[in-house]
Amino acid sequence: MKKIVLGTVLLSGLFLTACADDTVASSTAGKISKDELYEEMKESVGPVFLEQLLMSDVLEDRYGDAVTEEQVDQLYQTEQDRMGGEDAMNYAVMSQNLTPEQYRENIRLNLLIEEAVKEQANFTEEDVQAAYEEYVPPVTASHILVQDEETANDLLNQLNDGADFAELAKEHSQDPGTAQQGGQITFTTGEMVPEFEEAAFALEEGEMTQEPVQTSYGFHIIQMNEKPEKGTFEEERETVEQLMLEERMGDSAVVQEALSKVVQDANVVINDDDLTSVLQAYMPQPEAEDTSGETDSSEDSAADSASESEDASESSEDSASENTDTSEE
């Protein structure tokens, strides 16, 4: 059974031992028992870790067969390439207090959550068709980013004289995410700043901007490498549905609803009374009591009382009138 750990607890300076008396650590100051360690960890990180472990277990049990190690490896490699190589990836992972293996487990967990959202998505044919109409295939371009227009123009002149784009990008580009890849980046509409996107999509394959493109990041020289044509609906359907799923994954309410269904189906039982609130957010929430009926009933009762009072008042007045008439006679 795989365990997903999204954070780490560092215990330094202790040598843990497994002893018959349940002592997990000892020093000249005394012993620390399993129960003491459990209670301390439960109070500090117990709810968070238990939620992660339970969620991992129920998702793995339900969707584990749908997520392969090849998928995890591919996404890890994609992320590594995006960050600029293995060293940059390792630094980014360590900055999150994770190991590469824990990062892979996080990728797997995200894929399992994606399966849960997919199961609840229920995309209609009309939904997919509408998304296809808006879909623009990703393009692959290269760019060189510098901070001043003069440098950009100088590099542009070198490129027009036959200099290699990738080599100049590696040497001069100030975009750390793409420089070591020769400035290459793949994107579609809505993923880049507007000025960059407009200039890039105006290019045909093999073309390069002949003037620096200014954005909030600086000045760019852009070269279009690949600009594929949009395929037919059937050819693009799988890609479009994946993009629709990714959009759903970005909606926290949708993810919460999908995970709630999985957790409720799993019949989770928590035996520690101090941790029973874990996963409570994924359980059915009690409906708010409707007091409107009581209010209406009270209002009706008040109205009936008022009516009875008016009737009684009218009856008293009639009685008084009759007495007056009798006395006059």
Protein backbone atom coordinates (compact mmCIF):
# COMPACT_ATOMS: atom_id res chain seq x y z
CA MET A 1 0.00 0.00 0.00
CA LYS A 2 1.44 3.30 -1.07
CA LYS A 3 1.41 6.22 1.34
CA ILE A 4 1.28 9.79 0.09
CA VAL A 5 3.14 12.22 2.32
CA LEU A 6 2.73 15.85 1.27
CA GLY A 7 4.85 17.27 4.07
CA THR A 8 7.73 16.11 6.25
CA VAL A 9 8.39 15.95 9.97
CA LEU A 10 12.07 16.25 10.83
CA LEU A 11 13.21 14.61 14.05
CA SER A 12 16.86 15.49 14.55
CA GLY A 13 19.17 14.47 17.37
CA LEU A 14 17.15 11.37 18.33
CA PHE A 15 18.24 7.79 17.78
CA LEU A 16 15.05 5.77 17.49
CA THR A 17 15.09 2.23 18.80
CA ALA A 18 12.49 -0.52 18.94
CA CYS A 19 12.40 -1.98 22.42
CA ALA A 20 10.17 -4.54 24.09
CA ASP A 21 8.87 -1.91 26.56
CA ASP A 22 7.53 0.31 23.73
CA THR A 23 10.37 2.80 24.15
CA VAL A 24 11.11 4.48 20.85
CA ALA A 25 13.86 6.78 22.10
CA SER A 26 15.87 7.29 25.26
CA SER A 27 18.47 9.64 26.67
CA THR A 28 19.93 10.57 30.03
CA ALA A 29 16.75 12.62 30.51
CA GLY A 30 14.50 9.58 30.29
CA LYS A 31 12.50 7.55 27.80
CA ILE A 32 9.93 8.39 25.17
CA SER A 33 7.28 5.74 24.64
CA LYS A 34 5.26 4.96 21.53
CA ASP A 35 2.17 6.36 23.21
CA GLU A 36 3.91 9.64 24.06
CA LEU A 37 5.21 9.98 20.53
CA TYR A 38 1.80 9.17 19.07
CA GLU A 39 0.00 11.70 21.27
CA GLU A 40 2.53 14.43 20.50
CA MET A 41 2.46 13.82 16.74
CA LYS A 42 -1.32 13.48 16.79
CA GLU A 43 -1.69 16.89 18.37
CA SER A 44 0.74 18.64 16.03
CA VAL A 45 0.24 16.98 12.63
CA GLY A 46 -2.20 14.12 13.21
CA PRO A 47 -5.33 15.50 11.48
CA VAL A 48 -3.45 16.63 8.38
CA PHE A 49 -1.45 13.43 7.97
CA LEU A 50 -4.40 11.16 8.70
CA GLU A 51 -6.52 12.96 6.10
CA GLN A 52 -3.74 12.56 3.54
CA LEU A 53 -3.23 8.88 4.31
CA LEU A 54 -6.95 8.08 4.28
CA MET A 55 -7.54 10.01 1.08
CA SER A 56 -4.59 8.27 -0.54
CA ASP A 57 -5.87 4.85 0.50
CA VAL A 58 -9.46 5.29 -0.70
CA LEU A 59 -8.36 6.82 -4.01
CA GLU A 60 -5.75 4.11 -4.58
CA ASP A 61 -8.29 1.41 -3.79
CA ARG A 62 -10.82 2.83 -6.25
CA TYR A 63 -8.66 4.13 -9.10
CA GLY A 64 -5.22 2.59 -8.60
CA ASP A 65 -5.50 0.38 -11.68
CA ALA A 66 -6.18 3.43 -13.87
CA VAL A 67 -2.92 5.21 -13.00
CA THR A 68 0.31 3.68 -14.31
CA GLU A 69 3.91 4.28 -13.36
CA GLU A 70 4.53 5.28 -16.98
CA GLN A 71 2.10 8.16 -16.57
CA VAL A 72 3.83 9.28 -13.39
CA ASP A 73 7.27 9.05 -15.01
CA GLN A 74 6.10 11.00 -18.05
CA LEU A 75 4.64 13.83 -15.98
CA TYR A 76 7.74 13.93 -13.77
CA GLN A 77 9.95 14.18 -16.86
CA THR A 78 7.74 16.89 -18.34
CA GLU A 79 7.98 18.89 -15.13
CA GLN A 80 11.74 18.37 -15.02
CA ASP A 81 12.11 19.63 -18.59
CA ARG A 82 9.90 22.62 -17.81
CA MET A 83 12.08 23.56 -14.85
CA GLY A 84 15.28 23.35 -16.87
CA GLY A 85 16.76 19.95 -16.07
CA GLU A 86 17.41 17.51 -13.27
CA ASP A 87 19.42 19.87 -11.04
CA ALA A 88 16.76 22.57 -11.20
CA MET A 89 14.07 19.98 -10.51
CA ASN A 90 15.89 18.58 -7.49
CA TYR A 91 16.36 22.08 -6.09
CA ALA A 92 12.66 22.87 -6.53
CA VAL A 93 11.66 19.60 -4.89
CA MET A 94 14.00 20.07 -1.92
CA SER A 95 12.73 23.63 -1.43
CA GLN A 96 9.34 22.06 -0.69
CA ASN A 97 10.91 19.73 1.89
CA LEU A 98 10.22 16.75 -0.36
CA THR A 99 12.29 13.99 -1.88
CA PRO A 100 11.99 13.14 -5.59
CA GLU A 101 10.08 9.98 -4.63
CA GLN A 102 7.60 11.98 -2.53
CA TYR A 103 7.16 14.36 -5.44
CA ARG A 104 6.36 11.39 -7.68
CA GLU A 105 3.81 10.22 -5.13
CA ASN A 106 2.23 13.68 -5.23
CA ILE A 107 1.96 13.37 -9.01
CA ARG A 108 0.30 9.98 -8.59
CA LEU A 109 -2.13 11.41 -6.04
CA ASN A 110 -3.09 14.19 -8.45
CA LEU A 111 -3.72 11.61 -11.17
CA LEU A 112 -5.94 9.63 -8.79
CA ILE A 113 -7.90 12.78 -7.95
CA GLU A 114 -8.21 13.44 -11.67
CA GLU A 115 -9.79 10.00 -12.09
CA ALA A 116 -12.32 10.84 -9.38
CA VAL A 117 -13.23 14.12 -11.07
CA LYS A 118 -13.44 12.39 -14.46
CA GLU A 119 -15.90 9.85 -13.06
CA GLN A 120 -18.19 12.65 -11.90
CA ALA A 121 -17.73 14.91 -14.95
CA ASN A 122 -20.46 13.51 -17.20
CA PHE A 123 -19.55 15.67 -20.21
CA THR A 124 -22.38 15.86 -22.73
CA GLU A 125 -21.84 15.72 -26.47
CA GLU A 126 -22.84 19.39 -26.63
CA ASP A 127 -20.24 20.26 -23.98
CA VAL A 128 -17.45 18.56 -25.94
CA GLN A 129 -18.56 20.09 -29.24
CA ALA A 130 -18.60 23.60 -27.75
CA ALA A 131 -15.13 23.10 -26.28
CA TYR A 132 -13.84 21.86 -29.64
CA GLU A 133 -15.09 25.02 -31.37
CA GLU A 134 -12.98 27.14 -28.98
CA TYR A 135 -9.95 24.86 -29.01
CA VAL A 136 -6.68 26.11 -30.53
CA PRO A 137 -3.91 23.51 -30.94
CA PRO A 138 -0.74 24.29 -28.96
CA VAL A 139 2.15 25.79 -30.90
CA THR A 140 5.87 25.44 -30.27
CA ALA A 141 7.97 28.58 -30.47
CA SER A 142 11.36 29.79 -29.28
CA HIS A 143 12.07 33.14 -27.70
CA ILE A 144 14.90 35.19 -26.33
CA LEU A 145 14.10 37.53 -23.43
CA VAL A 146 16.30 40.54 -22.60
CA GLN A 147 15.70 43.64 -20.53
CA ASP A 148 16.44 46.44 -23.03
CA GLU A 149 15.44 47.10 -26.63
CA GLU A 150 18.97 47.84 -27.78
CA THR A 151 20.19 44.38 -26.84
CA ALA A 152 17.13 42.84 -28.46
CA ASN A 153 17.81 44.66 -31.73
CA ASP A 154 21.46 43.61 -31.67
CA LEU A 155 20.48 39.95 -31.23
CA LEU A 156 17.87 40.32 -33.96
CA ASN A 157 20.54 41.56 -36.36
CA GLN A 158 22.76 38.60 -35.50
CA LEU A 159 19.89 36.20 -36.16
CA ASN A 160 19.12 37.81 -39.52
CA ASP A 161 22.82 37.40 -40.38
CA GLY A 162 22.55 33.64 -39.77
CA ALA A 163 23.28 33.19 -36.05
CA ASP A 164 21.79 30.10 -34.39
CA PHE A 165 18.62 30.98 -32.42
CA ALA A 166 19.05 28.25 -29.78
CA GLU A 167 22.67 29.19 -29.09
CA LEU A 168 21.84 32.88 -28.64
CA ALA A 169 18.92 31.95 -26.37
CA LYS A 170 21.16 29.83 -24.15
CA GLU A 171 23.73 32.60 -23.97
CA HIS A 172 21.55 35.69 -23.62
CA SER A 173 17.95 34.84 -22.68
CA GLN A 174 16.93 35.88 -19.17
CA ASP A 175 14.03 33.45 -19.01
CA PRO A 176 15.36 30.70 -16.68
CA GLY A 177 12.55 28.33 -17.61
CA THR A 178 13.43 28.16 -21.33
CA ALA A 179 16.98 29.44 -21.85
CA GLN A 180 18.67 26.05 -21.50
CA GLN A 181 16.20 24.57 -24.00
CA GLY A 182 17.22 27.14 -26.59
CA GLY A 183 14.26 29.32 -25.68
CA GLN A 184 11.73 26.69 -26.76
CA ILE A 185 8.24 26.69 -25.24
CA THR A 186 4.90 25.07 -26.13
CA PHE A 187 1.67 26.92 -25.38
CA THR A 188 -1.85 27.70 -26.56
CA THR A 189 -4.18 30.67 -26.23
CA GLY A 190 -4.62 32.14 -22.77
CA GLU A 191 -1.32 30.84 -21.40
CA MET A 192 1.02 33.71 -22.28
CA VAL A 193 0.81 37.46 -21.73
CA PRO A 194 -1.35 39.07 -24.46
CA GLU A 195 1.46 40.91 -26.27
CA PHE A 196 3.56 37.76 -26.56
CA GLU A 197 0.60 35.60 -27.62
CA GLU A 198 -0.59 38.03 -30.29
CA ALA A 199 2.87 38.35 -31.85
CA ALA A 200 3.52 34.59 -31.74
CA PHE A 201 0.21 33.48 -33.29
CA ALA A 202 0.65 36.03 -36.09
CA LEU A 203 3.76 34.13 -37.26
CA GLU A 204 3.82 31.23 -39.67
CA GLU A 205 6.11 28.24 -39.18
CA GLY A 206 9.76 29.28 -39.58
CA GLU A 207 9.02 33.01 -39.28
CA MET A 208 10.56 35.30 -36.66
CA THR A 209 9.46 38.66 -35.31
CA GLN A 210 11.40 41.47 -37.00
CA GLU A 211 10.90 43.89 -34.12
CA PRO A 212 11.34 43.22 -30.39
CA VAL A 213 8.05 42.41 -28.64
CA GLN A 214 7.71 44.31 -25.39
CA THR A 215 5.88 42.77 -22.43
CA SER A 216 5.97 43.31 -18.68
CA TYR A 217 8.91 40.88 -18.56
CA GLY A 218 11.11 42.76 -21.04
CA PHE A 219 11.79 42.49 -24.79
CA HIS A 220 11.29 39.24 -26.70
CA ILE A 221 12.44 37.90 -30.04
CA ILE A 222 10.05 35.13 -31.07
CA GLN A 223 10.46 32.41 -33.66
CA MET A 224 7.57 30.08 -34.60
CA ASN A 225 8.76 26.48 -34.83
CA GLU A 226 5.60 24.39 -35.13
CA LYS A 227 2.06 25.61 -35.77
CA PRO A 228 -0.16 22.58 -36.38
CA GLU A 229 -3.53 22.75 -38.09
CA LYS A 230 -6.63 22.00 -36.05
CA GLY A 231 -7.85 18.44 -36.67
CA THR A 232 -11.38 17.18 -37.07
CA PHE A 233 -13.72 16.82 -34.11
CA GLU A 234 -12.99 13.10 -33.80
CA GLU A 235 -9.25 13.65 -34.15
CA GLU A 236 -9.18 16.29 -31.42
CA ARG A 237 -11.86 14.84 -29.15
CA GLU A 238 -9.54 13.13 -26.65
CA THR A 239 -7.37 16.24 -26.33
CA VAL A 240 -10.41 18.48 -25.90
CA GLU A 241 -11.90 16.24 -23.21
CA GLN A 242 -8.56 16.24 -21.36
CA LEU A 243 -8.51 20.03 -21.42
CA MET A 244 -12.08 20.09 -20.13
CA LEU A 245 -11.03 17.77 -17.32
CA GLU A 246 -8.07 19.97 -16.43
CA GLU A 247 -10.44 22.93 -16.24
CA ARG A 248 -12.64 20.97 -13.83
CA MET A 249 -9.56 20.12 -11.78
CA GLY A 250 -8.98 23.85 -11.35
CA ASP A 251 -12.42 24.27 -9.76
CA SER A 252 -12.08 23.50 -6.04
CA ALA A 253 -15.83 23.01 -5.62
CA VAL A 254 -15.88 20.35 -8.35
CA VAL A 255 -12.90 18.54 -6.82
CA GLN A 256 -14.48 18.72 -3.36
CA GLU A 257 -17.71 17.19 -4.66
CA ALA A 258 -15.88 14.35 -6.43
CA LEU A 259 -13.74 13.52 -3.40
CA SER A 260 -16.77 13.65 -1.11
CA LYS A 261 -18.45 10.95 -3.22
CA VAL A 262 -15.37 8.72 -3.00
CA VAL A 263 -14.94 9.19 0.77
CA GLN A 264 -18.61 8.55 1.52
CA ASP A 265 -18.57 5.37 -0.57
CA ALA A 266 -15.51 4.13 1.33
CA ASN A 267 -17.31 3.91 4.71
CA VAL A 268 -14.38 5.45 6.61
CA VAL A 269 -14.29 4.68 10.34
CA ILE A 270 -11.96 6.59 12.68
CA ASN A 271 -11.45 4.96 16.06
CA ASP A 272 -9.51 7.72 17.79
CA ASP A 273 -12.04 10.11 19.34
CA ASP A 274 -9.62 13.02 19.02
CA LEU A 275 -9.45 12.58 15.24
CA THR A 276 -13.09 11.91 14.35
CA SER A 277 -13.41 15.30 12.66
CA VAL A 278 -10.88 14.27 9.98
CA LEU A 279 -12.59 14.06 6.56
CA GLN A 280 -15.67 15.71 8.05
CA ALA A 281 -15.57 18.26 5.21
CA TYR A 282 -16.23 15.40 2.78
CA MET A 283 -19.22 14.02 4.67
CA PRO A 284 -22.87 15.04 4.19
CA GLN A 285 -23.48 18.32 5.94
CA PRO A 286 -26.55 18.66 8.18
CA GLU A 287 -29.27 20.78 6.67
CA ALA A 288 -30.08 24.05 8.39
CA GLU A 289 -33.30 23.90 10.38
CA ASP A 290 -36.20 25.56 8.62
CA THR A 291 -37.86 27.87 11.12
CA SER A 292 -40.00 29.62 8.53
CA GLY A 293 -42.92 27.25 9.24
CA GLU A 294 -42.76 28.04 12.93
CA THR A 295 -42.74 31.74 12.14
CA ASP A 296 -45.70 31.36 9.82
CA SER A 297 -47.50 29.34 12.48
CA SER A 298 -46.77 32.01 15.08
CA GLU A 299 -47.93 34.71 12.71
CA ASP A 300 -51.12 32.74 11.95
CA SER A 301 -51.70 32.22 15.66
CA ALA A 302 -51.17 35.91 16.31
CA ALA A 303 -53.54 36.79 13.48
CA ASP A 304 -56.17 34.37 14.83
CA SER A 305 -55.79 35.87 18.30
CA ALA A 306 -56.16 39.37 16.89
CA SER A 307 -59.27 38.31 14.98
CA GLU A 308 -60.74 36.70 18.09
CA SER A 309 -60.01 39.88 20.05
CA GLU A 310 -61.73 41.97 17.39
CA ASP A 311 -64.74 39.62 17.44
CA ALA A 312 -64.84 39.77 21.22
CA SER A 313 -64.59 43.55 21.09
CA GLU A 314 -67.43 43.76 18.57
CA SER A 315 -69.50 41.38 20.72
CA SER A 316 -68.89 43.56 23.78
CA GLU A 317 -69.89 46.66 21.85
CA ASP A 318 -73.08 44.97 20.63
CA SER A 319 -73.87 43.86 24.15
CA ALA A 320 -73.25 47.36 25.49
CA SER A 321 -75.49 48.79 22.77
CA GLU A 322 -78.31 46.38 23.65
CA ASN A 323 -78.02 47.29 27.34
CA THR A 324 -78.20 50.98 26.47
CA ASP A 325 -81.30 50.43 24.35
CA THR A 326 -82.95 48.47 27.16
CA SER A 327 -82.28 51.16 29.73
CA GLU A 328 -83.65 53.84 27.45
CA GLU A 329 -86.86 51.90 27.06
